[in-house]
Amino acid sequence: IKVGILHSLSGTMAISETTLKDVMLMLIDEQNKKGG
């Protein structure tokens, strides 16, 4: 099941948004460890 992550990783908003990409990867990883 594909989950889109749409956050600025460069440019003026990267200071805030990169962290949100990282937390989504953490949450998805955690869910996959539970069996998806």
PDB file of all heavy atoms in Angstrom:
ATOM      1  N   ILE A   1       0.874  -1.171   0.000  1.00  0.00           N
ATOM      2  CA  ILE A   1       0.000   0.000   0.000  1.00  0.00           C
ATOM      3  C   ILE A   1       0.912   1.223   0.000  1.00  0.00           C
ATOM      4  O   ILE A   1       1.718   1.412   0.911  1.00  0.00           O
ATOM      5  CB  ILE A   1      -0.913   0.012   1.238  1.00  0.00           C
ATOM      6  CG1 ILE A   1      -1.872  -1.183   1.203  1.00  0.00           C
ATOM      7  CG2 ILE A   1      -1.700   1.323   1.316  1.00  0.00           C
ATOM      8  CD1 ILE A   1      -2.662  -1.379   2.488  1.00  0.00           C
ATOM      9  N   LYS A   2       0.810   2.030  -1.031  1.00  0.00           N
ATOM     10  CA  LYS A   2       1.702   3.175  -1.167  1.00  0.00           C
ATOM     11  C   LYS A   2       1.160   4.391  -0.403  1.00  0.00           C
ATOM     12  O   LYS A   2      -0.028   4.704  -0.482  1.00  0.00           O
ATOM     13  CB  LYS A   2       1.903   3.521  -2.641  1.00  0.00           C
ATOM     14  CG  LYS A   2       2.721   2.479  -3.401  1.00  0.00           C
ATOM     15  CD  LYS A   2       2.961   2.901  -4.832  1.00  0.00           C
ATOM     16  CE  LYS A   2       3.829   1.891  -5.571  1.00  0.00           C
ATOM     17  NZ  LYS A   2       4.071   2.306  -6.958  1.00  0.00           N
ATOM     18  N   VAL A   3       2.076   5.043   0.303  1.00  0.00           N
ATOM     19  CA  VAL A   3       1.729   6.230   1.090  1.00  0.00           C
ATOM     20  C   VAL A   3       2.597   7.392   0.604  1.00  0.00           C
ATOM     21  O   VAL A   3       3.829   7.319   0.644  1.00  0.00           O
ATOM     22  CB  VAL A   3       1.967   5.991   2.596  1.00  0.00           C
ATOM     23  CG1 VAL A   3       1.618   7.257   3.389  1.00  0.00           C
ATOM     24  CG2 VAL A   3       1.152   4.797   3.087  1.00  0.00           C
ATOM     25  N   GLY A   4       1.969   8.468   0.152  1.00  0.00           N
ATOM     26  CA  GLY A   4       2.695   9.623  -0.353  1.00  0.00           C
ATOM     27  C   GLY A   4       3.180  10.533   0.773  1.00  0.00           C
ATOM     28  O   GLY A   4       2.464  10.776   1.745  1.00  0.00           O
ATOM     29  N   ILE A   5       4.402  11.037   0.648  1.00  0.00           N
ATOM     30  CA  ILE A   5       4.970  12.008   1.585  1.00  0.00           C
ATOM     31  C   ILE A   5       5.367  13.238   0.778  1.00  0.00           C
ATOM     32  O   ILE A   5       6.310  13.214  -0.010  1.00  0.00           O
ATOM     33  CB  ILE A   5       6.178  11.420   2.343  1.00  0.00           C
ATOM     34  CG1 ILE A   5       5.745  10.169   3.123  1.00  0.00           C
ATOM     35  CG2 ILE A   5       6.772  12.462   3.294  1.00  0.00           C
ATOM     36  CD1 ILE A   5       6.888   9.405   3.770  1.00  0.00           C
ATOM     37  N   LEU A   6       4.634  14.318   0.977  1.00  0.00           N
ATOM     38  CA  LEU A   6       4.731  15.521   0.141  1.00  0.00           C
ATOM     39  C   LEU A   6       5.238  16.696   0.982  1.00  0.00           C
ATOM     40  O   LEU A   6       4.482  17.565   1.402  1.00  0.00           O
ATOM     41  CB  LEU A   6       3.352  15.825  -0.469  1.00  0.00           C
ATOM     42  CG  LEU A   6       3.225  16.991  -1.449  1.00  0.00           C
ATOM     43  CD1 LEU A   6       3.980  16.744  -2.733  1.00  0.00           C
ATOM     44  CD2 LEU A   6       1.738  17.249  -1.753  1.00  0.00           C
ATOM     45  N   HIS A   7       6.532  16.710   1.241  1.00  0.00           N
ATOM     46  CA  HIS A   7       7.128  17.756   2.068  1.00  0.00           C
ATOM     47  C   HIS A   7       8.379  18.331   1.413  1.00  0.00           C
ATOM     48  O   HIS A   7       9.148  17.589   0.785  1.00  0.00           O
ATOM     49  CB  HIS A   7       7.478  17.223   3.458  1.00  0.00           C
ATOM     50  CG  HIS A   7       6.294  17.108   4.365  1.00  0.00           C
ATOM     51  ND1 HIS A   7       5.527  18.206   4.722  1.00  0.00           N
ATOM     52  CD2 HIS A   7       5.741  16.034   4.994  1.00  0.00           C
ATOM     53  CE1 HIS A   7       4.550  17.807   5.534  1.00  0.00           C
ATOM     54  NE2 HIS A   7       4.653  16.508   5.716  1.00  0.00           N
ATOM     55  N   SER A   8       8.589  19.642   1.610  1.00  0.00           N
ATOM     56  CA  SER A   8       9.771  20.309   1.063  1.00  0.00           C
ATOM     57  C   SER A   8      11.033  19.837   1.784  1.00  0.00           C
ATOM     58  O   SER A   8      11.160  20.014   2.995  1.00  0.00           O
ATOM     59  CB  SER A   8       9.643  21.834   1.201  1.00  0.00           C
ATOM     60  OG  SER A   8       8.589  22.317   0.396  1.00  0.00           O
ATOM     61  N   LEU A   9      11.953  19.268   1.016  1.00  0.00           N
ATOM     62  CA  LEU A   9      13.226  18.809   1.561  1.00  0.00           C
ATOM     63  C   LEU A   9      14.362  19.739   1.159  1.00  0.00           C
ATOM     64  O   LEU A   9      15.514  19.518   1.505  1.00  0.00           O
ATOM     65  CB  LEU A   9      13.509  17.371   1.090  1.00  0.00           C
ATOM     66  CG  LEU A   9      12.344  16.375   1.283  1.00  0.00           C
ATOM     67  CD1 LEU A   9      12.716  15.005   0.769  1.00  0.00           C
ATOM     68  CD2 LEU A   9      11.906  16.319   2.740  1.00  0.00           C
ATOM     69  N   SER A  10      14.011  20.779   0.416  1.00  0.00           N
ATOM     70  CA  SER A  10      14.952  21.819   0.021  1.00  0.00           C
ATOM     71  C   SER A  10      14.195  23.141  -0.083  1.00  0.00           C
ATOM     72  O   SER A  10      12.968  23.167  -0.075  1.00  0.00           O
ATOM     73  CB  SER A  10      15.630  21.475  -1.318  1.00  0.00           C
ATOM     74  OG  SER A  10      14.653  21.267  -2.334  1.00  0.00           O
ATOM     75  N   GLY A  11      14.924  24.247  -0.142  1.00  0.00           N
ATOM     76  CA  GLY A  11      14.282  25.554  -0.209  1.00  0.00           C
ATOM     77  C   GLY A  11      13.985  26.116   1.167  1.00  0.00           C
ATOM     78  O   GLY A  11      14.352  25.547   2.200  1.00  0.00           O
ATOM     79  N   THR A  12      13.250  27.227   1.197  1.00  0.00           N
ATOM     80  CA  THR A  12      13.057  28.000   2.419  1.00  0.00           C
ATOM     81  C   THR A  12      12.292  27.257   3.513  1.00  0.00           C
ATOM     82  O   THR A  12      12.442  27.558   4.689  1.00  0.00           O
ATOM     83  CB  THR A  12      12.350  29.340   2.091  1.00  0.00           C
ATOM     84  OG1 THR A  12      12.272  30.132   3.266  1.00  0.00           O
ATOM     85  CG2 THR A  12      10.926  29.117   1.593  1.00  0.00           C
ATOM     86  N   MET A  13      11.449  26.281   3.153  1.00  0.00           N
ATOM     87  CA  MET A  13      10.650  25.553   4.141  1.00  0.00           C
ATOM     88  C   MET A  13      11.275  24.242   4.598  1.00  0.00           C
ATOM     89  O   MET A  13      10.722  23.556   5.464  1.00  0.00           O
ATOM     90  CB  MET A  13       9.247  25.280   3.586  1.00  0.00           C
ATOM     91  CG  MET A  13       8.359  26.501   3.469  1.00  0.00           C
ATOM     92  SD  MET A  13       8.221  27.438   5.023  1.00  0.00           S
ATOM     93  CE  MET A  13       7.564  26.195   6.130  1.00  0.00           C
ATOM     94  N   ALA A  14      12.443  23.887   4.056  1.00  0.00           N
ATOM     95  CA  ALA A  14      13.086  22.621   4.426  1.00  0.00           C
ATOM     96  C   ALA A  14      13.412  22.566   5.918  1.00  0.00           C
ATOM     97  O   ALA A  14      13.384  21.494   6.528  1.00  0.00           O
ATOM     98  CB  ALA A  14      14.348  22.410   3.601  1.00  0.00           C
ATOM     99  N   ILE A  15      13.702  23.717   6.538  1.00  0.00           N
ATOM    100  CA  ILE A  15      14.023  23.792   7.957  1.00  0.00           C
ATOM    101  C   ILE A  15      12.915  23.164   8.806  1.00  0.00           C
ATOM    102  O   ILE A  15      13.178  22.555   9.842  1.00  0.00           O
ATOM    103  CB  ILE A  15      14.267  25.269   8.383  1.00  0.00           C
ATOM    104  CG1 ILE A  15      14.695  25.360   9.854  1.00  0.00           C
ATOM    105  CG2 ILE A  15      13.020  26.118   8.156  1.00  0.00           C
ATOM    106  CD1 ILE A  15      15.077  26.792  10.293  1.00  0.00           C
ATOM    107  N   SER A  16      11.690  23.279   8.356  1.00  0.00           N
ATOM    108  CA  SER A  16      10.548  22.748   9.099  1.00  0.00           C
ATOM    109  C   SER A  16      10.058  21.393   8.574  1.00  0.00           C
ATOM    110  O   SER A  16       9.701  20.499   9.343  1.00  0.00           O
ATOM    111  CB  SER A  16       9.389  23.746   9.056  1.00  0.00           C
ATOM    112  OG  SER A  16       9.762  24.990   9.634  1.00  0.00           O
ATOM    113  N   GLU A  17      10.050  21.239   7.250  1.00  0.00           N
ATOM    114  CA  GLU A  17       9.349  20.106   6.655  1.00  0.00           C
ATOM    115  C   GLU A  17      10.132  18.805   6.593  1.00  0.00           C
ATOM    116  O   GLU A  17       9.551  17.725   6.545  1.00  0.00           O
ATOM    117  CB  GLU A  17       8.842  20.478   5.252  1.00  0.00           C
ATOM    118  CG  GLU A  17       7.759  21.551   5.270  1.00  0.00           C
ATOM    119  CD  GLU A  17       7.044  21.704   3.947  1.00  0.00           C
ATOM    120  OE1 GLU A  17       6.394  20.756   3.495  1.00  0.00           O
ATOM    121  OE2 GLU A  17       7.143  22.793   3.354  1.00  0.00           O
ATOM    122  N   THR A  18      11.466  18.886   6.580  1.00  0.00           N
ATOM    123  CA  THR A  18      12.267  17.661   6.498  1.00  0.00           C
ATOM    124  C   THR A  18      11.946  16.724   7.665  1.00  0.00           C
ATOM    125  O   THR A  18      11.866  15.503   7.499  1.00  0.00           O
ATOM    126  CB  THR A  18      13.769  18.005   6.470  1.00  0.00           C
ATOM    127  OG1 THR A  18      14.033  18.822   5.326  1.00  0.00           O
ATOM    128  CG2 THR A  18      14.615  16.747   6.392  1.00  0.00           C
ATOM    129  N   THR A  19      11.746  17.299   8.836  1.00  0.00           N
ATOM    130  CA  THR A  19      11.415  16.507  10.019  1.00  0.00           C
ATOM    131  C   THR A  19      10.111  15.739   9.832  1.00  0.00           C
ATOM    132  O   THR A  19       9.969  14.612  10.314  1.00  0.00           O
ATOM    133  CB  THR A  19      11.329  17.412  11.262  1.00  0.00           C
ATOM    134  OG1 THR A  19      12.635  17.894  11.548  1.00  0.00           O
ATOM    135  CG2 THR A  19      10.804  16.668  12.472  1.00  0.00           C
ATOM    136  N   LEU A  20       9.152  16.346   9.123  1.00  0.00           N
ATOM    137  CA  LEU A  20       7.868  15.678   8.917  1.00  0.00           C
ATOM    138  C   LEU A  20       8.005  14.483   7.975  1.00  0.00           C
ATOM    139  O   LEU A  20       7.319  13.482   8.130  1.00  0.00           O
ATOM    140  CB  LEU A  20       6.830  16.668   8.388  1.00  0.00           C
ATOM    141  CG  LEU A  20       6.503  17.828   9.336  1.00  0.00           C
ATOM    142  CD1 LEU A  20       5.259  18.571   8.861  1.00  0.00           C
ATOM    143  CD2 LEU A  20       6.290  17.329  10.753  1.00  0.00           C
ATOM    144  N   LYS A  21       8.900  14.588   7.007  1.00  0.00           N
ATOM    145  CA  LYS A  21       9.208  13.425   6.163  1.00  0.00           C
ATOM    146  C   LYS A  21       9.782  12.306   7.014  1.00  0.00           C
ATOM    147  O   LYS A  21       9.399  11.141   6.902  1.00  0.00           O
ATOM    148  CB  LYS A  21      10.176  13.858   5.046  1.00  0.00           C
ATOM    149  CG  LYS A  21      10.662  12.713   4.161  1.00  0.00           C
ATOM    150  CD  LYS A  21      11.981  12.091   4.609  1.00  0.00           C
ATOM    151  CE  LYS A  21      13.127  13.068   4.512  1.00  0.00           C
ATOM    152  NZ  LYS A  21      14.430  12.432   4.901  1.00  0.00           N
ATOM    153  N   ASP A  22      10.710  12.680   7.909  1.00  0.00           N
ATOM    154  CA  ASP A  22      11.376  11.675   8.755  1.00  0.00           C
ATOM    155  C   ASP A  22      10.386  10.984   9.689  1.00  0.00           C
ATOM    156  O   ASP A  22      10.454   9.762   9.875  1.00  0.00           O
ATOM    157  CB  ASP A  22      12.497  12.318   9.573  1.00  0.00           C
ATOM    158  CG  ASP A  22      13.674  12.766   8.720  1.00  0.00           C
ATOM    159  OD1 ASP A  22      13.807  12.266   7.577  1.00  0.00           O
ATOM    160  OD2 ASP A  22      14.458  13.629   9.180  1.00  0.00           O
ATOM    161  N   VAL A  23       9.471  11.745  10.287  1.00  0.00           N
ATOM    162  CA  VAL A  23       8.530  11.126  11.221  1.00  0.00           C
ATOM    163  C   VAL A  23       7.565  10.200  10.485  1.00  0.00           C
ATOM    164  O   VAL A  23       7.172   9.159  11.018  1.00  0.00           O
ATOM    165  CB  VAL A  23       7.779  12.172  12.080  1.00  0.00           C
ATOM    166  CG1 VAL A  23       6.623  12.827  11.329  1.00  0.00           C
ATOM    167  CG2 VAL A  23       7.249  11.520  13.350  1.00  0.00           C
ATOM    168  N   MET A  24       7.206  10.561   9.247  1.00  0.00           N
ATOM    169  CA  MET A  24       6.348   9.667   8.464  1.00  0.00           C
ATOM    170  C   MET A  24       7.056   8.346   8.156  1.00  0.00           C
ATOM    171  O   MET A  24       6.443   7.273   8.215  1.00  0.00           O
ATOM    172  CB  MET A  24       5.905  10.346   7.171  1.00  0.00           C
ATOM    173  CG  MET A  24       4.809  11.385   7.345  1.00  0.00           C
ATOM    174  SD  MET A  24       3.343  10.758   8.225  1.00  0.00           S
ATOM    175  CE  MET A  24       2.914   9.322   7.199  1.00  0.00           C
ATOM    176  N   LEU A  25       8.336   8.424   7.846  1.00  0.00           N
ATOM    177  CA  LEU A  25       9.100   7.190   7.606  1.00  0.00           C
ATOM    178  C   LEU A  25       9.144   6.337   8.867  1.00  0.00           C
ATOM    179  O   LEU A  25       9.054   5.110   8.803  1.00  0.00           O
ATOM    180  CB  LEU A  25      10.524   7.527   7.133  1.00  0.00           C
ATOM    181  CG  LEU A  25      10.634   8.194   5.748  1.00  0.00           C
ATOM    182  CD1 LEU A  25      12.092   8.528   5.428  1.00  0.00           C
ATOM    183  CD2 LEU A  25      10.042   7.313   4.657  1.00  0.00           C
ATOM    184  N   MET A  26       9.266   6.996  10.026  1.00  0.00           N
ATOM    185  CA  MET A  26       9.265   6.265  11.297  1.00  0.00           C
ATOM    186  C   MET A  26       7.916   5.578  11.536  1.00  0.00           C
ATOM    187  O   MET A  26       7.862   4.399  11.910  1.00  0.00           O
ATOM    188  CB  MET A  26       9.577   7.218  12.450  1.00  0.00           C
ATOM    189  CG  MET A  26       9.592   6.531  13.807  1.00  0.00           C
ATOM    190  SD  MET A  26       9.775   7.685  15.199  1.00  0.00           S
ATOM    191  CE  MET A  26       8.044   8.162  15.463  1.00  0.00           C
ATOM    192  N   LEU A  27       6.832   6.300  11.318  1.00  0.00           N
ATOM    193  CA  LEU A  27       5.494   5.752  11.566  1.00  0.00           C
ATOM    194  C   LEU A  27       5.195   4.584  10.620  1.00  0.00           C
ATOM    195  O   LEU A  27       4.609   3.574  11.030  1.00  0.00           O
ATOM    196  CB  LEU A  27       4.442   6.851  11.394  1.00  0.00           C
ATOM    197  CG  LEU A  27       4.480   7.974  12.447  1.00  0.00           C
ATOM    198  CD1 LEU A  27       3.617   9.151  12.000  1.00  0.00           C
ATOM    199  CD2 LEU A  27       4.031   7.466  13.809  1.00  0.00           C
ATOM    200  N   ILE A  28       5.599   4.728   9.368  1.00  0.00           N
ATOM    201  CA  ILE A  28       5.385   3.654   8.387  1.00  0.00           C
ATOM    202  C   ILE A  28       6.217   2.429   8.751  1.00  0.00           C
ATOM    203  O   ILE A  28       5.738   1.289   8.700  1.00  0.00           O
ATOM    204  CB  ILE A  28       5.712   4.168   6.965  1.00  0.00           C
ATOM    205  CG1 ILE A  28       4.619   5.148   6.509  1.00  0.00           C
ATOM    206  CG2 ILE A  28       5.844   3.011   5.972  1.00  0.00           C
ATOM    207  CD1 ILE A  28       4.968   5.921   5.252  1.00  0.00           C
ATOM    208  N   ASP A  29       7.468   2.666   9.141  1.00  0.00           N
ATOM    209  CA  ASP A  29       8.349   1.564   9.563  1.00  0.00           C
ATOM    210  C   ASP A  29       7.757   0.826  10.754  1.00  0.00           C
ATOM    211  O   ASP A  29       7.749  -0.412  10.800  1.00  0.00           O
ATOM    212  CB  ASP A  29       9.739   2.132   9.900  1.00  0.00           C
ATOM    213  CG  ASP A  29      10.727   1.056  10.325  1.00  0.00           C
ATOM    214  OD1 ASP A  29      11.060   0.216   9.476  1.00  0.00           O
ATOM    215  OD2 ASP A  29      11.160   1.062  11.505  1.00  0.00           O
ATOM    216  N   GLU A  30       7.251   1.590  11.710  1.00  0.00           N
ATOM    217  CA  GLU A  30       6.650   1.010  12.911  1.00  0.00           C
ATOM    218  C   GLU A  30       5.417   0.169  12.560  1.00  0.00           C
ATOM    219  O   GLU A  30       5.230  -0.933  13.082  1.00  0.00           O
ATOM    220  CB  GLU A  30       6.272   2.137  13.861  1.00  0.00           C
ATOM    221  CG  GLU A  30       5.886   1.686  15.257  1.00  0.00           C
ATOM    222  CD  GLU A  30       5.524   2.848  16.164  1.00  0.00           C
ATOM    223  OE1 GLU A  30       5.317   3.972  15.664  1.00  0.00           O
ATOM    224  OE2 GLU A  30       5.428   2.644  17.359  1.00  0.00           O
ATOM    225  N   GLN A  31       4.575   0.694  11.656  1.00  0.00           N
ATOM    226  CA  GLN A  31       3.377  -0.044  11.248  1.00  0.00           C
ATOM    227  C   GLN A  31       3.754  -1.325  10.519  1.00  0.00           C
ATOM    228  O   GLN A  31       3.108  -2.369  10.714  1.00  0.00           O
ATOM    229  CB  GLN A  31       2.499   0.840  10.357  1.00  0.00           C
ATOM    230  CG  GLN A  31       1.143   0.237  10.019  1.00  0.00           C
ATOM    231  CD  GLN A  31       0.233   0.073  11.222  1.00  0.00           C
ATOM    232  OE1 GLN A  31       0.284   0.860  12.169  1.00  0.00           O
ATOM    233  NE2 GLN A  31      -0.621  -0.946  11.193  1.00  0.00           N
ATOM    234  N   ASN A  32       4.778  -1.254   9.696  1.00  0.00           N
ATOM    235  CA  ASN A  32       5.228  -2.461   8.979  1.00  0.00           C
ATOM    236  C   ASN A  32       5.747  -3.528   9.936  1.00  0.00           C
ATOM    237  O   ASN A  32       5.555  -4.725   9.715  1.00  0.00           O
ATOM    238  CB  ASN A  32       6.298  -2.096   7.946  1.00  0.00           C
ATOM    239  CG  ASN A  32       5.694  -1.495   6.682  1.00  0.00           C
ATOM    240  OD1 ASN A  32       4.525  -1.730   6.366  1.00  0.00           O
ATOM    241  ND2 ASN A  32       6.487  -0.717   5.946  1.00  0.00           N
ATOM    242  N   LYS A  33       6.395  -3.111  11.021  1.00  0.00           N
ATOM    243  CA  LYS A  33       6.873  -4.067  12.029  1.00  0.00           C
ATOM    244  C   LYS A  33       5.705  -4.740  12.745  1.00  0.00           C
ATOM    245  O   LYS A  33       5.853  -5.837  13.288  1.00  0.00           O
ATOM    246  CB  LYS A  33       7.793  -3.358  13.026  1.00  0.00           C
ATOM    247  CG  LYS A  33       9.174  -3.045  12.451  1.00  0.00           C
ATOM    248  CD  LYS A  33      10.012  -2.239  13.419  1.00  0.00           C
ATOM    249  CE  LYS A  33      11.395  -1.947  12.826  1.00  0.00           C
ATOM    250  NZ  LYS A  33      12.167  -1.011  13.687  1.00  0.00           N
ATOM    251  N   LYS A  34       4.561  -4.048  12.770  1.00  0.00           N
ATOM    252  CA  LYS A  34       3.350  -4.635  13.372  1.00  0.00           C
ATOM    253  C   LYS A  34       2.624  -5.569  12.393  1.00  0.00           C
ATOM    254  O   LYS A  34       1.591  -6.137  12.728  1.00  0.00           O
ATOM    255  CB  LYS A  34       2.379  -3.524  13.784  1.00  0.00           C
ATOM    256  CG  LYS A  34       2.865  -2.623  14.902  1.00  0.00           C
ATOM    257  CD  LYS A  34       1.842  -1.525  15.142  1.00  0.00           C
ATOM    258  CE  LYS A  34       2.294  -0.492  16.152  1.00  0.00           C
ATOM    259  NZ  LYS A  34       1.333   0.648  16.245  1.00  0.00           N
ATOM    260  N   GLY A  35       3.133  -5.691  11.174  1.00  0.00           N
ATOM    261  CA  GLY A  35       2.484  -6.548  10.178  1.00  0.00           C
ATOM    262  C   GLY A  35       1.859  -5.799   9.025  1.00  0.00           C
ATOM    263  O   GLY A  35       1.178  -6.382   8.183  1.00  0.00           O
ATOM    264  N   GLY A  36       2.071  -4.479   8.980  1.00  0.00           N
ATOM    265  CA  GLY A  36       1.531  -3.683   7.878  1.00  0.00           C
ATOM    266  C   GLY A  36       0.068  -3.334   8.078  1.00  0.00           C
ATOM    267  O   GLY A  36      -0.409  -3.185   9.202  1.00  0.00           O
TER     268      GLY A  36
END
